[in-house]
Amino acid sequence: MARDRSARRRSAAAGGPASRRGAGGEPSIEPGLYPIDAGTAEILRDPFTEGAWLLRLNGAESSQLNPDDPLELGFEYMRWIAAVVRHRWGRDAPLRILHLGAAGCSLARWAAAWYPGSRQVAVELDAGLAALARDRFGLPRAPALRIRVGEAGEVLAGSRDGSRDVVVRDVFAGSGPRDQATPAHLTGLDAAHHAARVLGDGGMYLVNHGGGPDLTAARREAATLRAAFRTVAAIADPQMLKGRRRGNIVLAATNGPLTAGGDGPQGRDALVRHLLADPLPARLVEPVDGFAAGARPFDEPLPSTRLEPSSARVNDDNGVNHRRPS
């Protein structure tokens, strides 16, 4: 199982119009199959969450969004990422966020609603998918959110020093739901050092690592980030951390504080409680010295040539993001 989108199963919408109105007033959601550069995208109702929609890419679930509630995040790893950001910055902070991997821009919609005044760039290699998301999902308009068609590594390497507060890496590539993986060059020391440079001392690099029960790659990613950042944390549910299932691990890396600090609502203890209270309870591992002990950092450099379009995010072996209780 890759993602548990809610421990509380909710009924699907029984009726209502097939399309909704987005933030700009234009129709944003319509079910159907749409051609994209990497294959086919499908938009359909989420059978487990009333009012929500799914985006499938070549058969694999990629994004879930509720057009009426951008603060609702269906995928557990996105909720964990949001929890880290919320405990590091107050809601009045206008953030500069770079999303490496866009798809349906669910997390960007959340950030635009939670942090008004923020400026975000979402990078998507697939031009057809980027156009579909912009046309159908009622996304915030520039300058609140710009969608840039490009390769994530190239955009990261070309970004200015200290130009971002948050960088989120959520990039997977493959021809179908069974072979999804993050391109190797985005997991290497080169990418990690570029992320640290772009973020400066106070920024946060948030990585969605997806994989199976063998945690070797996750430990190596943690070791890679430790070589570029002073503080690295891992977040996942206990079964994933024990290597008992396929799923997602969020890695948070920073050269500043992990949280706003203190004993208040934005301190480390508050973050731990927030993660434990999630519909899929998660554990915070920080520092990751024990988790990454003996692991060799990845050393694949960022390439100078463009790559093939990505097709989806990590899923379970059947390309499904499970939303029922574990």
Protein backbone atom coordinates (compact mmCIF):
# COMPACT_ATOMS: atom_id res chain seq x y z
CA MET A 1 0.00 0.00 0.00
CA ALA A 2 1.42 3.36 -0.99
CA ARG A 3 -0.96 5.91 0.44
CA ASP A 4 -3.84 5.77 2.86
CA ARG A 5 -5.85 8.88 2.02
CA SER A 6 -8.15 8.73 5.04
CA ALA A 7 -8.79 6.43 7.96
CA ARG A 8 -12.41 7.55 7.81
CA ARG A 9 -14.12 6.28 4.68
CA ARG A 10 -16.63 8.75 3.36
CA SER A 11 -19.33 8.11 0.79
CA ALA A 12 -18.86 9.33 -2.76
CA ALA A 13 -21.02 12.12 -4.12
CA ALA A 14 -24.26 10.60 -5.38
CA GLY A 15 -25.11 13.32 -7.87
CA GLY A 16 -24.62 16.96 -8.72
CA PRO A 17 -22.99 18.60 -11.69
CA ALA A 18 -20.03 16.96 -13.35
CA SER A 19 -18.04 20.19 -13.44
CA ARG A 20 -17.20 22.71 -10.73
CA ARG A 21 -16.07 26.31 -10.71
CA GLY A 22 -12.46 27.08 -9.94
CA ALA A 23 -10.83 30.00 -8.16
CA GLY A 24 -10.91 32.06 -11.33
CA GLY A 25 -14.58 31.29 -12.05
CA GLU A 26 -13.87 28.95 -14.98
CA PRO A 27 -15.04 25.30 -15.19
CA SER A 28 -12.33 23.27 -13.45
CA ILE A 29 -13.34 19.62 -13.07
CA GLU A 30 -14.83 17.40 -15.75
CA PRO A 31 -14.57 13.61 -15.71
CA GLY A 32 -13.03 11.89 -18.71
CA LEU A 33 -9.90 10.67 -20.45
CA TYR A 34 -7.43 13.26 -21.74
CA PRO A 35 -4.30 12.79 -23.87
CA ILE A 36 -1.05 14.07 -22.37
CA ASP A 37 2.54 13.89 -23.58
CA ALA A 38 3.35 10.77 -21.53
CA GLY A 39 0.14 8.90 -22.31
CA THR A 40 -3.32 9.35 -20.85
CA ALA A 41 -4.75 11.25 -17.90
CA GLU A 42 -8.10 10.32 -16.39
CA ILE A 43 -10.22 12.54 -14.14
CA LEU A 44 -12.85 10.75 -12.09
CA ARG A 45 -14.78 11.10 -8.84
CA ASP A 46 -13.11 9.81 -5.70
CA PRO A 47 -15.29 6.91 -4.48
CA PHE A 48 -14.08 7.32 -0.89
CA THR A 49 -14.29 11.10 -0.37
CA GLU A 50 -17.42 13.10 -1.02
CA GLY A 51 -16.82 16.08 -3.31
CA ALA A 52 -13.27 15.02 -4.22
CA TRP A 53 -11.78 14.06 -7.57
CA LEU A 54 -8.89 11.85 -8.63
CA LEU A 55 -6.29 12.32 -11.33
CA ARG A 56 -4.90 9.10 -12.75
CA LEU A 57 -1.90 9.08 -15.05
CA ASN A 58 -1.55 5.98 -17.21
CA GLY A 59 -3.70 4.11 -14.72
CA ALA A 60 -1.86 5.19 -11.57
CA GLU A 61 -3.41 7.54 -9.02
CA SER A 62 -1.43 10.77 -8.99
CA SER A 63 -3.47 13.51 -7.32
CA GLN A 64 -6.66 14.03 -5.33
CA LEU A 65 -8.33 17.37 -4.84
CA ASN A 66 -11.55 18.82 -3.53
CA PRO A 67 -12.42 21.92 -5.61
CA ASP A 68 -14.56 23.28 -2.76
CA ASP A 69 -11.91 22.81 -0.06
CA PRO A 70 -8.24 23.30 -1.05
CA LEU A 71 -7.18 22.61 2.55
CA GLU A 72 -8.33 19.01 2.27
CA LEU A 73 -5.37 16.78 1.41
CA GLY A 74 -6.28 13.21 0.60
CA PHE A 75 -2.80 11.69 0.35
CA GLU A 76 -1.15 11.08 3.68
CA TYR A 77 2.34 12.14 2.63
CA MET A 78 0.97 15.55 1.57
CA ARG A 79 -0.64 15.97 4.99
CA TRP A 80 2.71 15.17 6.61
CA ILE A 81 4.50 17.71 4.40
CA ALA A 82 1.86 20.31 5.26
CA ALA A 83 2.31 19.54 8.96
CA VAL A 84 6.05 20.24 8.77
CA VAL A 85 5.48 23.55 6.96
CA ARG A 86 2.75 24.60 9.42
CA HIS A 87 5.02 23.96 12.41
CA ARG A 88 7.91 25.85 10.86
CA TRP A 89 6.09 29.01 9.65
CA GLY A 90 3.09 30.89 10.98
CA ARG A 91 0.06 31.33 8.78
CA ASP A 92 0.86 34.99 8.12
CA ALA A 93 4.17 34.13 6.42
CA PRO A 94 4.13 34.65 2.64
CA LEU A 95 6.30 31.77 1.45
CA ARG A 96 8.32 31.29 -1.71
CA ILE A 97 7.72 27.67 -2.72
CA LEU A 98 9.18 25.60 -5.55
CA HIS A 99 7.38 22.35 -6.37
CA LEU A 100 9.49 19.86 -8.31
CA GLY A 101 6.69 17.81 -9.83
CA ALA A 102 3.27 19.34 -10.31
CA ALA A 103 0.62 16.88 -11.59
CA GLY A 104 -2.69 18.16 -10.14
CA CYS A 105 -1.00 20.78 -7.89
CA SER A 106 -2.90 19.62 -4.79
CA LEU A 107 -0.19 20.75 -2.39
CA ALA A 108 0.19 24.07 -4.19
CA ARG A 109 -3.56 24.68 -3.81
CA TRP A 110 -3.25 23.95 -0.09
CA ALA A 111 -0.31 26.32 0.33
CA ALA A 112 -2.10 29.12 -1.54
CA ALA A 113 -5.07 28.78 0.83
CA TRP A 114 -3.09 28.36 4.06
CA TYR A 115 -0.44 30.98 3.27
CA PRO A 116 -2.14 33.83 1.37
CA GLY A 117 0.34 36.05 -0.40
CA SER A 118 2.75 33.20 -1.12
CA ARG A 119 4.46 32.91 -4.49
CA GLN A 120 4.78 29.41 -5.91
CA VAL A 121 6.26 27.77 -8.99
CA ALA A 122 5.25 24.21 -9.91
CA VAL A 123 7.53 22.42 -12.38
CA GLU A 124 6.02 19.76 -14.65
CA LEU A 125 7.89 18.01 -17.47
CA ASP A 126 4.70 16.95 -19.27
CA ALA A 127 3.33 19.99 -21.12
CA GLY A 128 0.01 18.28 -21.81
CA LEU A 129 -0.47 17.47 -18.14
CA ALA A 130 0.46 21.01 -17.12
CA ALA A 131 -2.15 22.41 -19.53
CA LEU A 132 -4.78 19.97 -18.26
CA ALA A 133 -4.17 20.93 -14.64
CA ARG A 134 -4.33 24.63 -15.42
CA ASP A 135 -7.46 24.30 -17.56
CA ARG A 136 -9.46 21.87 -15.44
CA PHE A 137 -8.48 22.21 -11.78
CA GLY A 138 -9.26 25.84 -11.01
CA LEU A 139 -5.74 26.55 -9.80
CA PRO A 140 -4.61 29.89 -8.37
CA ARG A 141 -3.34 32.22 -11.08
CA ALA A 142 0.06 33.85 -11.38
CA PRO A 143 1.76 35.31 -9.47
CA ALA A 144 0.25 33.13 -6.69
CA LEU A 145 1.04 29.99 -8.71
CA ARG A 146 2.98 29.67 -11.93
CA ILE A 147 3.23 26.31 -13.69
CA ARG A 148 6.52 25.96 -15.50
CA VAL A 149 7.02 23.25 -18.10
CA GLY A 150 10.52 21.94 -17.63
CA GLU A 151 12.77 19.28 -16.15
CA ALA A 152 12.95 19.43 -12.34
CA GLY A 153 16.72 19.06 -12.10
CA GLU A 154 17.36 21.77 -14.65
CA VAL A 155 15.03 24.19 -12.90
CA LEU A 156 16.57 23.43 -9.51
CA ALA A 157 20.11 23.90 -10.78
CA GLY A 158 19.14 27.17 -12.48
CA SER A 159 17.44 28.70 -9.43
CA ARG A 160 19.10 31.59 -7.59
CA ASP A 161 20.80 31.25 -4.21
CA GLY A 162 18.40 31.76 -1.31
CA SER A 163 15.44 32.32 -3.64
CA ARG A 164 13.06 29.83 -1.96
CA ASP A 165 11.73 29.13 1.52
CA VAL A 166 10.41 25.67 0.64
CA VAL A 167 11.33 23.19 -2.08
CA VAL A 168 9.11 20.12 -2.44
CA ARG A 169 10.35 17.17 -4.50
CA ASP A 170 7.55 14.86 -5.63
CA VAL A 171 8.75 13.45 -8.95
CA PHE A 172 8.23 9.91 -10.23
CA ALA A 173 8.70 8.49 -13.70
CA GLY A 174 7.77 5.26 -15.44
CA SER A 175 5.57 3.81 -18.14
CA GLY A 176 2.91 2.48 -15.77
CA PRO A 177 1.88 1.98 -12.14
CA ARG A 178 4.28 -0.91 -11.49
CA ASP A 179 7.57 0.78 -12.35
CA GLN A 180 7.37 4.22 -10.74
CA ALA A 181 10.61 5.65 -9.33
CA THR A 182 12.20 9.03 -8.75
CA PRO A 183 14.78 9.73 -11.49
CA ALA A 184 18.21 8.94 -10.03
CA HIS A 185 19.70 12.35 -10.75
CA LEU A 186 17.14 13.98 -8.43
CA THR A 187 18.22 11.79 -5.51
CA GLY A 188 21.95 12.47 -5.69
CA LEU A 189 24.33 14.73 -3.79
CA ASP A 190 24.34 17.22 -6.64
CA ALA A 191 20.59 17.80 -6.34
CA ALA A 192 20.77 17.93 -2.54
CA HIS A 193 23.51 20.59 -2.57
CA HIS A 194 21.59 22.64 -5.14
CA ALA A 195 18.49 22.44 -2.94
CA ALA A 196 20.51 23.64 0.06
CA ARG A 197 21.90 26.50 -2.01
CA VAL A 198 18.49 27.58 -3.30
CA LEU A 199 16.98 27.45 0.19
CA GLY A 200 19.70 29.18 2.18
CA ASP A 201 19.97 28.79 5.94
CA GLY A 202 16.30 29.00 6.87
CA GLY A 203 14.58 27.03 4.12
CA MET A 204 13.13 23.53 4.08
CA TYR A 205 13.62 20.74 1.53
CA LEU A 206 10.72 18.27 1.61
CA VAL A 207 11.17 15.01 -0.28
CA ASN A 208 8.53 12.39 -1.02
CA HIS A 209 10.40 9.10 -1.15
CA GLY A 210 8.34 6.19 -2.44
CA GLY A 211 9.36 2.57 -2.44
CA GLY A 212 8.85 -0.97 -1.24
CA PRO A 213 9.65 -2.83 1.97
CA ASP A 214 13.39 -2.76 1.20
CA LEU A 215 14.43 0.52 2.85
CA THR A 216 17.94 0.60 1.36
CA ALA A 217 17.10 3.44 -1.03
CA ALA A 218 15.32 5.43 1.70
CA ARG A 219 18.33 5.10 4.00
CA ARG A 220 20.62 6.20 1.18
CA GLU A 221 18.40 9.23 0.48
CA ALA A 222 18.57 10.15 4.16
CA ALA A 223 22.36 9.80 4.08
CA THR A 224 22.49 11.97 0.95
CA LEU A 225 20.52 14.75 2.61
CA ARG A 226 22.68 14.53 5.77
CA ALA A 227 25.69 15.36 3.60
CA ALA A 228 24.06 18.63 2.46
CA PHE A 229 21.92 19.74 5.43
CA ARG A 230 22.52 20.06 9.17
CA THR A 231 19.09 18.71 10.18
CA VAL A 232 17.27 15.83 8.51
CA ALA A 233 14.07 14.14 9.68
CA ALA A 234 12.09 11.17 8.37
CA ILE A 235 8.30 10.86 8.65
CA ALA A 236 6.31 7.71 7.94
CA ASP A 237 3.89 5.32 9.53
CA PRO A 238 5.52 2.63 11.72
CA GLN A 239 4.76 -0.22 9.30
CA MET A 240 6.61 1.58 6.53
CA LEU A 241 9.57 2.39 8.77
CA LYS A 242 9.79 -1.30 9.74
CA GLY A 243 9.97 -2.33 6.09
CA ARG A 244 6.65 -4.18 6.13
CA ARG A 245 4.92 -2.55 3.15
CA ARG A 246 5.27 -0.36 0.09
CA GLY A 247 4.56 3.30 0.66
CA ASN A 248 5.92 6.78 1.23
CA ILE A 249 8.50 8.35 3.53
CA VAL A 250 8.76 12.13 3.81
CA LEU A 251 12.28 13.42 4.35
CA ALA A 252 12.59 16.98 5.70
CA ALA A 253 15.99 18.66 5.45
CA THR A 254 17.07 22.12 6.58
CA ASN A 255 20.06 24.16 7.66
CA GLY A 256 17.77 26.01 10.06
CA PRO A 257 15.31 24.79 12.68
CA LEU A 258 12.90 21.95 11.90
CA THR A 259 10.08 23.76 13.73
CA ALA A 260 9.47 27.25 15.07
CA GLY A 261 10.63 25.91 18.42
CA GLY A 262 9.54 26.26 22.00
CA ASP A 263 6.77 24.47 23.84
CA GLY A 264 3.97 26.20 21.97
CA PRO A 265 1.75 25.11 19.08
CA GLN A 266 4.62 25.23 16.57
CA GLY A 267 7.21 23.34 18.59
CA ARG A 268 8.66 19.89 17.98
CA ASP A 269 6.35 18.20 20.48
CA ALA A 270 3.36 19.78 18.78
CA LEU A 271 4.54 18.45 15.42
CA VAL A 272 4.90 14.96 16.90
CA ARG A 273 1.35 15.12 18.27
CA HIS A 274 0.02 16.44 14.96
CA LEU A 275 1.58 13.54 13.04
CA LEU A 276 0.30 10.97 15.52
CA ALA A 277 -3.22 12.41 15.20
CA ASP A 278 -3.23 12.03 11.40
CA PRO A 279 -5.78 9.58 9.93
CA LEU A 280 -2.69 7.50 9.12
CA PRO A 281 -0.57 8.13 12.24
CA ALA A 282 3.06 8.85 11.46
CA ARG A 283 6.27 8.78 13.45
CA LEU A 284 8.89 11.54 13.41
CA VAL A 285 12.47 10.23 13.27
CA GLU A 286 14.95 13.02 14.00
CA PRO A 287 17.87 12.90 13.86
CA VAL A 288 18.12 10.20 11.19
CA ASP A 289 21.63 9.09 12.17
CA GLY A 290 20.46 5.63 13.19
CA PHE A 291 18.11 5.26 10.22
CA ALA A 292 20.88 6.19 7.76
CA ALA A 293 23.76 4.45 9.60
CA GLY A 294 26.13 2.75 7.15
CA ALA A 295 24.18 3.95 4.10
CA ARG A 296 26.13 5.36 1.18
CA PRO A 297 24.86 8.65 -0.30
CA PHE A 298 23.60 8.64 -3.87
CA ASP A 299 26.03 10.35 -6.23
CA GLU A 300 24.17 10.58 -9.55
CA PRO A 301 24.80 14.11 -10.91
CA LEU A 302 22.21 16.37 -12.45
CA PRO A 303 22.25 15.81 -16.23
CA SER A 304 22.60 18.47 -18.88
CA THR A 305 20.06 16.83 -21.22
CA ARG A 306 16.29 16.75 -20.97
CA LEU A 307 14.53 13.58 -19.85
CA GLU A 308 11.35 11.85 -20.97
CA PRO A 309 8.06 13.02 -19.40
CA SER A 310 7.09 11.50 -16.06
CA SER A 311 3.79 9.66 -15.89
CA ALA A 312 2.65 9.32 -12.27
CA ARG A 313 3.49 9.27 -8.59
CA VAL A 314 4.40 6.19 -6.57
CA ASN A 315 1.54 3.76 -5.93
CA ASP A 316 1.10 0.23 -4.70
CA ASP A 317 1.71 -2.70 -7.03
CA ASN A 318 -1.71 -2.24 -8.66
CA GLY A 319 -1.44 1.50 -9.19
CA VAL A 320 -4.00 2.26 -6.48
CA ASN A 321 -3.72 4.65 -3.53
CA HIS A 322 -5.60 2.83 -0.81
CA ARG A 323 -7.94 5.03 1.18
CA ARG A 324 -9.32 2.46 3.59
CA PRO A 325 -7.98 1.97 7.13
CA SER A 326 -4.70 0.06 7.24
